[in-house]
Amino acid sequence: MDGCSGTSEVPAMVVGGGAAGTPAASRWNPTKEQIDMLENLYRQGLRTPTADQIQEITGRLQTYGHIEGKNVFYWFQNHKARQRQKEKQDHLSLFRQYNHHHRHLHQPPFVHIPPPPNGPYF
């Protein structure tokens, strides 16, 4: 890049490309212990930790492997979004089951009416 063309290039390490031998930004790969601790905090009711809580959690989780504050922040955001998505799916599934069952219970019974006989009509 010559700096005069007006175009900007984003280094591969920023977008995680890793092209032409440049190091790609590595993705956080949580350990089982880190996930267990985060899920436990979530089960205890923590949904949107403050900056101070994120720092404290990050410090505790570093015992089990590499982690940064942004990983904690995004884990809670993603987990909350996935939980809402799952609850929405569960509710929709229950609604469909109810509708399916309810519809079959309240349909009038099928009554077969035979055609009139081939003969004189009275």
C-alpha atoms as a PDB file:
ATOM      1  CA  MET A   1       0.000   0.000   0.000  1.00  0.00           C
ATOM      2  CA  ASP A   2       1.503   3.334  -1.011  1.00  0.00           C
ATOM      3  CA  GLY A   3      -0.588   5.526   1.286  1.00  0.00           C
ATOM      4  CA  CYS A   4      -1.720   7.770  -1.585  1.00  0.00           C
ATOM      5  CA  SER A   5      -4.253   5.557  -3.319  1.00  0.00           C
ATOM      6  CA  GLY A   6      -7.034   6.201  -0.808  1.00  0.00           C
ATOM      7  CA  THR A   7      -7.694   2.496  -0.288  1.00  0.00           C
ATOM      8  CA  SER A   8      -7.088   0.866   3.031  1.00  0.00           C
ATOM      9  CA  GLU A   9      -5.980  -2.652   3.674  1.00  0.00           C
ATOM     10  CA  VAL A  10      -6.818  -4.486   6.853  1.00  0.00           C
ATOM     11  CA  PRO A  11      -3.934  -6.620   8.087  1.00  0.00           C
ATOM     12  CA  ALA A  12      -4.666 -10.339   8.043  1.00  0.00           C
ATOM     13  CA  MET A  13      -3.985 -10.597  11.774  1.00  0.00           C
ATOM     14  CA  VAL A  14      -6.931  -8.245  12.429  1.00  0.00           C
ATOM     15  CA  VAL A  15      -9.464 -10.216  10.402  1.00  0.00           C
ATOM     16  CA  GLY A  16      -7.929 -13.612  11.117  1.00  0.00           C
ATOM     17  CA  GLY A  17      -6.881 -14.320   7.540  1.00  0.00           C
ATOM     18  CA  GLY A  18      -3.373 -15.620   8.050  1.00  0.00           C
ATOM     19  CA  ALA A  19      -2.554 -15.216   4.347  1.00  0.00           C
ATOM     20  CA  ALA A  20       1.018 -15.132   3.018  1.00  0.00           C
ATOM     21  CA  GLY A  21       2.573 -16.259   6.271  1.00  0.00           C
ATOM     22  CA  THR A  22       1.156 -13.468   8.455  1.00  0.00           C
ATOM     23  CA  PRO A  23      -0.062 -14.610  11.872  1.00  0.00           C
ATOM     24  CA  ALA A  24      -3.837 -14.802  12.206  1.00  0.00           C
ATOM     25  CA  ALA A  25      -5.504 -13.626  15.391  1.00  0.00           C
ATOM     26  CA  SER A  26      -6.170 -16.808  17.335  1.00  0.00           C
ATOM     27  CA  ARG A  27      -9.667 -17.577  18.419  1.00  0.00           C
ATOM     28  CA  TRP A  28     -10.331 -18.107  22.116  1.00  0.00           C
ATOM     29  CA  ASN A  29     -10.669 -21.801  22.844  1.00  0.00           C
ATOM     30  CA  PRO A  30     -12.130 -22.098  26.360  1.00  0.00           C
ATOM     31  CA  THR A  31     -11.174 -24.968  28.620  1.00  0.00           C
ATOM     32  CA  LYS A  32     -13.816 -27.166  30.200  1.00  0.00           C
ATOM     33  CA  GLU A  33     -13.129 -25.527  33.571  1.00  0.00           C
ATOM     34  CA  GLN A  34     -13.642 -22.041  32.115  1.00  0.00           C
ATOM     35  CA  ILE A  35     -16.946 -23.042  30.519  1.00  0.00           C
ATOM     36  CA  ASP A  36     -18.097 -24.759  33.714  1.00  0.00           C
ATOM     37  CA  MET A  37     -17.336 -21.643  35.762  1.00  0.00           C
ATOM     38  CA  LEU A  38     -19.056 -19.293  33.268  1.00  0.00           C
ATOM     39  CA  GLU A  39     -22.144 -21.528  33.074  1.00  0.00           C
ATOM     40  CA  ASN A  40     -22.260 -21.714  36.862  1.00  0.00           C
ATOM     41  CA  LEU A  41     -22.206 -17.900  37.111  1.00  0.00           C
ATOM     42  CA  TYR A  42     -24.984 -17.742  34.514  1.00  0.00           C
ATOM     43  CA  ARG A  43     -27.086 -20.294  36.433  1.00  0.00           C
ATOM     44  CA  GLN A  44     -26.620 -18.173  39.574  1.00  0.00           C
ATOM     45  CA  GLY A  45     -28.298 -15.288  37.732  1.00  0.00           C
ATOM     46  CA  LEU A  46     -25.391 -13.269  36.323  1.00  0.00           C
ATOM     47  CA  ARG A  47     -26.479 -12.080  32.868  1.00  0.00           C
ATOM     48  CA  THR A  48     -24.660  -8.825  32.102  1.00  0.00           C
ATOM     49  CA  PRO A  49     -21.529  -8.489  34.228  1.00  0.00           C
ATOM     50  CA  THR A  50     -20.150  -5.019  34.914  1.00  0.00           C
ATOM     51  CA  ALA A  51     -16.633  -4.061  33.798  1.00  0.00           C
ATOM     52  CA  ASP A  52     -15.375  -4.779  37.336  1.00  0.00           C
ATOM     53  CA  GLN A  53     -17.083  -8.177  37.411  1.00  0.00           C
ATOM     54  CA  ILE A  54     -15.606  -9.020  33.998  1.00  0.00           C
ATOM     55  CA  GLN A  55     -12.130  -8.168  35.294  1.00  0.00           C
ATOM     56  CA  GLU A  56     -12.632 -10.305  38.392  1.00  0.00           C
ATOM     57  CA  ILE A  57     -14.057 -13.251  36.414  1.00  0.00           C
ATOM     58  CA  THR A  58     -11.236 -13.000  33.856  1.00  0.00           C
ATOM     59  CA  GLY A  59      -8.657 -13.101  36.664  1.00  0.00           C
ATOM     60  CA  ARG A  60     -10.218 -16.252  38.118  1.00  0.00           C
ATOM     61  CA  LEU A  61     -10.549 -17.940  34.717  1.00  0.00           C
ATOM     62  CA  GLN A  62      -6.900 -17.267  33.798  1.00  0.00           C
ATOM     63  CA  THR A  63      -6.014 -19.991  36.299  1.00  0.00           C
ATOM     64  CA  TYR A  64      -7.376 -22.496  33.772  1.00  0.00           C
ATOM     65  CA  GLY A  65      -5.919 -21.067  30.552  1.00  0.00           C
ATOM     66  CA  HIS A  66      -5.630 -18.000  28.341  1.00  0.00           C
ATOM     67  CA  ILE A  67      -8.623 -15.651  28.422  1.00  0.00           C
ATOM     68  CA  GLU A  68      -9.224 -11.940  27.996  1.00  0.00           C
ATOM     69  CA  GLY A  69     -11.957  -9.672  29.318  1.00  0.00           C
ATOM     70  CA  LYS A  70     -13.539  -9.420  25.875  1.00  0.00           C
ATOM     71  CA  ASN A  71     -13.942 -13.216  25.861  1.00  0.00           C
ATOM     72  CA  VAL A  72     -15.928 -13.050  29.094  1.00  0.00           C
ATOM     73  CA  PHE A  73     -17.998 -10.119  27.810  1.00  0.00           C
ATOM     74  CA  TYR A  74     -18.848 -11.851  24.515  1.00  0.00           C
ATOM     75  CA  TRP A  75     -19.483 -15.218  26.202  1.00  0.00           C
ATOM     76  CA  PHE A  76     -22.228 -13.678  28.338  1.00  0.00           C
ATOM     77  CA  GLN A  77     -23.715 -11.796  25.371  1.00  0.00           C
ATOM     78  CA  ASN A  78     -23.752 -14.900  23.182  1.00  0.00           C
ATOM     79  CA  HIS A  79     -24.993 -17.203  25.921  1.00  0.00           C
ATOM     80  CA  LYS A  80     -27.875 -14.876  26.754  1.00  0.00           C
ATOM     81  CA  ALA A  81     -28.828 -14.589  23.068  1.00  0.00           C
ATOM     82  CA  ARG A  82     -28.690 -18.361  22.583  1.00  0.00           C
ATOM     83  CA  GLN A  83     -30.795 -18.942  25.700  1.00  0.00           C
ATOM     84  CA  ARG A  84     -33.452 -16.527  24.422  1.00  0.00           C
ATOM     85  CA  GLN A  85     -33.377 -18.259  21.031  1.00  0.00           C
ATOM     86  CA  LYS A  86     -33.746 -21.675  22.668  1.00  0.00           C
ATOM     87  CA  GLU A  87     -36.629 -20.489  24.861  1.00  0.00           C
ATOM     88  CA  LYS A  88     -38.378 -19.049  21.815  1.00  0.00           C
ATOM     89  CA  GLN A  89     -37.961 -22.393  19.985  1.00  0.00           C
ATOM     90  CA  ASP A  90     -39.196 -24.322  23.031  1.00  0.00           C
ATOM     91  CA  HIS A  91     -42.281 -22.105  23.333  1.00  0.00           C
ATOM     92  CA  LEU A  92     -42.999 -22.423  19.629  1.00  0.00           C
ATOM     93  CA  SER A  93     -42.656 -26.194  19.850  1.00  0.00           C
ATOM     94  CA  LEU A  94     -45.039 -26.366  22.827  1.00  0.00           C
ATOM     95  CA  PHE A  95     -47.515 -24.121  21.009  1.00  0.00           C
ATOM     96  CA  ARG A  96     -47.413 -26.361  17.925  1.00  0.00           C
ATOM     97  CA  GLN A  97     -47.871 -29.492  20.036  1.00  0.00           C
ATOM     98  CA  TYR A  98     -50.835 -27.910  21.826  1.00  0.00           C
ATOM     99  CA  ASN A  99     -52.398 -26.757  18.565  1.00  0.00           C
ATOM    100  CA  HIS A 100     -51.928 -30.167  16.944  1.00  0.00           C
ATOM    101  CA  HIS A 101     -53.397 -31.986  19.941  1.00  0.00           C
ATOM    102  CA  HIS A 102     -56.173 -29.434  20.486  1.00  0.00           C
ATOM    103  CA  ARG A 103     -57.246 -29.532  16.837  1.00  0.00           C
ATOM    104  CA  HIS A 104     -57.615 -33.334  16.882  1.00  0.00           C
ATOM    105  CA  LEU A 105     -59.627 -33.317  20.104  1.00  0.00           C
ATOM    106  CA  HIS A 106     -62.200 -30.804  18.909  1.00  0.00           C
ATOM    107  CA  GLN A 107     -62.804 -31.802  15.329  1.00  0.00           C
ATOM    108  CA  PRO A 108     -66.307 -33.117  14.746  1.00  0.00           C
ATOM    109  CA  PRO A 109     -66.308 -36.853  14.127  1.00  0.00           C
ATOM    110  CA  PHE A 110     -66.409 -37.928  10.536  1.00  0.00           C
ATOM    111  CA  VAL A 111     -69.863 -39.219   9.649  1.00  0.00           C
ATOM    112  CA  HIS A 112     -70.172 -41.274   6.507  1.00  0.00           C
ATOM    113  CA  ILE A 113     -73.397 -40.606   4.628  1.00  0.00           C
ATOM    114  CA  PRO A 114     -74.009 -43.307   2.037  1.00  0.00           C
ATOM    115  CA  PRO A 115     -75.189 -42.257  -1.416  1.00  0.00           C
ATOM    116  CA  PRO A 116     -78.925 -42.681  -2.111  1.00  0.00           C
ATOM    117  CA  PRO A 117     -79.938 -46.081  -3.478  1.00  0.00           C
ATOM    118  CA  ASN A 118     -80.524 -46.461  -7.218  1.00  0.00           C
ATOM    119  CA  GLY A 119     -84.195 -46.732  -7.192  1.00  0.00           C
ATOM    120  CA  PRO A 120     -87.362 -44.777  -6.804  1.00  0.00           C
ATOM    121  CA  TYR A 121     -87.120 -41.764  -4.560  1.00  0.00           C
ATOM    122  CA  PHE A 122     -89.706 -41.369  -1.813  1.00  0.00           C
END
